[in-house]
Amino acid sequence: MNIMLNGLNLCTLLEKYCYSKKISDKEVEFLERCWLDSLNSLHYNRYPGIAPAIVCDEAGVARGSYWISCNAAILDKLKPTWDNKKQKCSYI
């Protein structure tokens, strides 16, 4: 998948957020599109990439986790959507 927003890709945008703690509404929308695309993408399912420690730590997931898992956890922080039955966010 080659989705980009103003020259950023998923990995670059998540790293930028980890360092700056700032993200625009358009960037959040971009992360959501990446997450949704990953649900149907054979590439993410067959060749998942491992995120660096700083991204895993900021996301609150174990070091060595996949980029898309970090994206979901960060989305839960930035834009929580609650599942009333499970009482937890729905991205993860």
C-alpha atoms as a PDB file:
ATOM      1  CA  MET A   1       0.000   0.000   0.000  1.00  0.00           C
ATOM      2  CA  ASN A   2       1.378   3.378  -0.938  1.00  0.00           C
ATOM      3  CA  ILE A   3      -0.903   5.888   0.777  1.00  0.00           C
ATOM      4  CA  MET A   4       0.701   9.252   1.393  1.00  0.00           C
ATOM      5  CA  LEU A   5      -0.417  12.583   2.849  1.00  0.00           C
ATOM      6  CA  ASN A   6       1.761  15.561   2.002  1.00  0.00           C
ATOM      7  CA  GLY A   7       4.782  13.308   1.602  1.00  0.00           C
ATOM      8  CA  LEU A   8       4.111  11.313   4.769  1.00  0.00           C
ATOM      9  CA  ASN A   9       3.398   7.636   5.054  1.00  0.00           C
ATOM     10  CA  LEU A  10       2.001   5.671   7.990  1.00  0.00           C
ATOM     11  CA  CYS A  11       5.403   5.017   9.567  1.00  0.00           C
ATOM     12  CA  THR A  12       6.646   8.581   9.200  1.00  0.00           C
ATOM     13  CA  LEU A  13       3.416  10.032  10.558  1.00  0.00           C
ATOM     14  CA  LEU A  14       3.397   7.782  13.628  1.00  0.00           C
ATOM     15  CA  GLU A  15       7.044   8.611  14.364  1.00  0.00           C
ATOM     16  CA  LYS A  16       6.300  12.329  13.922  1.00  0.00           C
ATOM     17  CA  TYR A  17       3.440  12.036  16.413  1.00  0.00           C
ATOM     18  CA  CYS A  18       5.633  10.201  18.941  1.00  0.00           C
ATOM     19  CA  TYR A  19       8.174  12.990  18.936  1.00  0.00           C
ATOM     20  CA  SER A  20       5.865  16.010  18.723  1.00  0.00           C
ATOM     21  CA  LYS A  21       2.640  14.756  20.361  1.00  0.00           C
ATOM     22  CA  LYS A  22       0.869  16.850  17.724  1.00  0.00           C
ATOM     23  CA  ILE A  23      -1.292  15.653  14.875  1.00  0.00           C
ATOM     24  CA  SER A  24      -3.814  17.383  12.642  1.00  0.00           C
ATOM     25  CA  ASP A  25      -7.353  16.216  11.973  1.00  0.00           C
ATOM     26  CA  LYS A  26      -6.353  15.329   8.405  1.00  0.00           C
ATOM     27  CA  GLU A  27      -3.461  13.234   9.716  1.00  0.00           C
ATOM     28  CA  VAL A  28      -5.823  11.389  12.089  1.00  0.00           C
ATOM     29  CA  GLU A  29      -8.125  10.719   9.129  1.00  0.00           C
ATOM     30  CA  PHE A  30      -5.113   9.417   7.204  1.00  0.00           C
ATOM     31  CA  LEU A  31      -4.236   7.032  10.065  1.00  0.00           C
ATOM     32  CA  GLU A  32      -7.835   5.810  10.124  1.00  0.00           C
ATOM     33  CA  ARG A  33      -7.747   5.147   6.366  1.00  0.00           C
ATOM     34  CA  CYS A  34      -4.494   3.215   6.794  1.00  0.00           C
ATOM     35  CA  TRP A  35      -6.073   1.148   9.557  1.00  0.00           C
ATOM     36  CA  LEU A  36      -9.173   0.408   7.475  1.00  0.00           C
ATOM     37  CA  ASP A  37      -7.067  -0.397   4.416  1.00  0.00           C
ATOM     38  CA  SER A  38      -4.977  -2.798   6.482  1.00  0.00           C
ATOM     39  CA  LEU A  39      -8.059  -4.868   7.272  1.00  0.00           C
ATOM     40  CA  ASN A  40      -8.392  -5.749   3.599  1.00  0.00           C
ATOM     41  CA  SER A  41      -4.775  -5.615   2.517  1.00  0.00           C
ATOM     42  CA  LEU A  42      -2.927  -8.793   1.729  1.00  0.00           C
ATOM     43  CA  HIS A  43       0.356  -6.867   2.022  1.00  0.00           C
ATOM     44  CA  TYR A  44      -0.209  -5.987   5.693  1.00  0.00           C
ATOM     45  CA  ASN A  45      -1.313  -9.507   6.457  1.00  0.00           C
ATOM     46  CA  ARG A  46       1.602 -11.223   4.684  1.00  0.00           C
ATOM     47  CA  TYR A  47       4.413  -8.721   5.290  1.00  0.00           C
ATOM     48  CA  PRO A  48       3.735  -6.793   8.490  1.00  0.00           C
ATOM     49  CA  GLY A  49       6.451  -4.362   9.525  1.00  0.00           C
ATOM     50  CA  ILE A  50       7.830  -4.078  13.051  1.00  0.00           C
ATOM     51  CA  ALA A  51       7.627  -0.610  14.606  1.00  0.00           C
ATOM     52  CA  PRO A  52      10.583   0.899  16.511  1.00  0.00           C
ATOM     53  CA  ALA A  53      10.581   0.962  20.310  1.00  0.00           C
ATOM     54  CA  ILE A  54       9.598   4.648  20.599  1.00  0.00           C
ATOM     55  CA  VAL A  55       6.429   4.067  18.582  1.00  0.00           C
ATOM     56  CA  CYS A  56       5.539   0.897  20.510  1.00  0.00           C
ATOM     57  CA  ASP A  57       6.134   2.686  23.820  1.00  0.00           C
ATOM     58  CA  GLU A  58       3.997   5.686  22.834  1.00  0.00           C
ATOM     59  CA  ALA A  59       1.250   3.351  21.627  1.00  0.00           C
ATOM     60  CA  GLY A  60       1.384   1.384  24.873  1.00  0.00           C
ATOM     61  CA  VAL A  61       1.993  -1.934  23.134  1.00  0.00           C
ATOM     62  CA  ALA A  62       4.827  -4.412  23.533  1.00  0.00           C
ATOM     63  CA  ARG A  63       8.107  -3.571  21.840  1.00  0.00           C
ATOM     64  CA  GLY A  64       8.437  -5.508  18.625  1.00  0.00           C
ATOM     65  CA  SER A  65       4.765  -4.966  17.723  1.00  0.00           C
ATOM     66  CA  TYR A  66       3.620  -4.355  14.180  1.00  0.00           C
ATOM     67  CA  TRP A  67       3.171  -0.854  12.777  1.00  0.00           C
ATOM     68  CA  ILE A  68      -0.533  -1.430  12.235  1.00  0.00           C
ATOM     69  CA  SER A  69      -1.001  -2.492  15.880  1.00  0.00           C
ATOM     70  CA  CYS A  70       0.725   0.694  16.987  1.00  0.00           C
ATOM     71  CA  ASN A  71      -1.476   2.689  14.629  1.00  0.00           C
ATOM     72  CA  ALA A  72      -4.618   1.139  16.154  1.00  0.00           C
ATOM     73  CA  ALA A  73      -3.446   1.820  19.723  1.00  0.00           C
ATOM     74  CA  ILE A  74      -2.538   5.432  18.929  1.00  0.00           C
ATOM     75  CA  LEU A  75      -5.888   5.912  17.183  1.00  0.00           C
ATOM     76  CA  ASP A  76      -7.569   4.641  20.354  1.00  0.00           C
ATOM     77  CA  LYS A  77      -5.787   7.398  22.272  1.00  0.00           C
ATOM     78  CA  LEU A  78      -6.473  10.131  19.730  1.00  0.00           C
ATOM     79  CA  LYS A  79     -10.018   9.264  18.725  1.00  0.00           C
ATOM     80  CA  PRO A  80     -11.561   6.667  21.004  1.00  0.00           C
ATOM     81  CA  THR A  81     -14.642   4.876  19.722  1.00  0.00           C
ATOM     82  CA  TRP A  82     -16.183   2.783  22.451  1.00  0.00           C
ATOM     83  CA  ASP A  83     -17.772  -0.596  22.003  1.00  0.00           C
ATOM     84  CA  ASN A  84     -20.467  -0.675  24.682  1.00  0.00           C
ATOM     85  CA  LYS A  85     -20.525  -4.482  24.915  1.00  0.00           C
ATOM     86  CA  LYS A  86     -16.778  -4.874  25.417  1.00  0.00           C
ATOM     87  CA  GLN A  87     -16.212  -1.545  27.208  1.00  0.00           C
ATOM     88  CA  LYS A  88     -13.084  -0.879  25.205  1.00  0.00           C
ATOM     89  CA  CYS A  89     -11.994   0.955  22.107  1.00  0.00           C
ATOM     90  CA  SER A  90     -12.720  -0.669  18.795  1.00  0.00           C
ATOM     91  CA  TYR A  91      -9.522  -0.092  16.771  1.00  0.00           C
ATOM     92  CA  ILE A  92      -7.522  -2.768  18.572  1.00  0.00           C
END
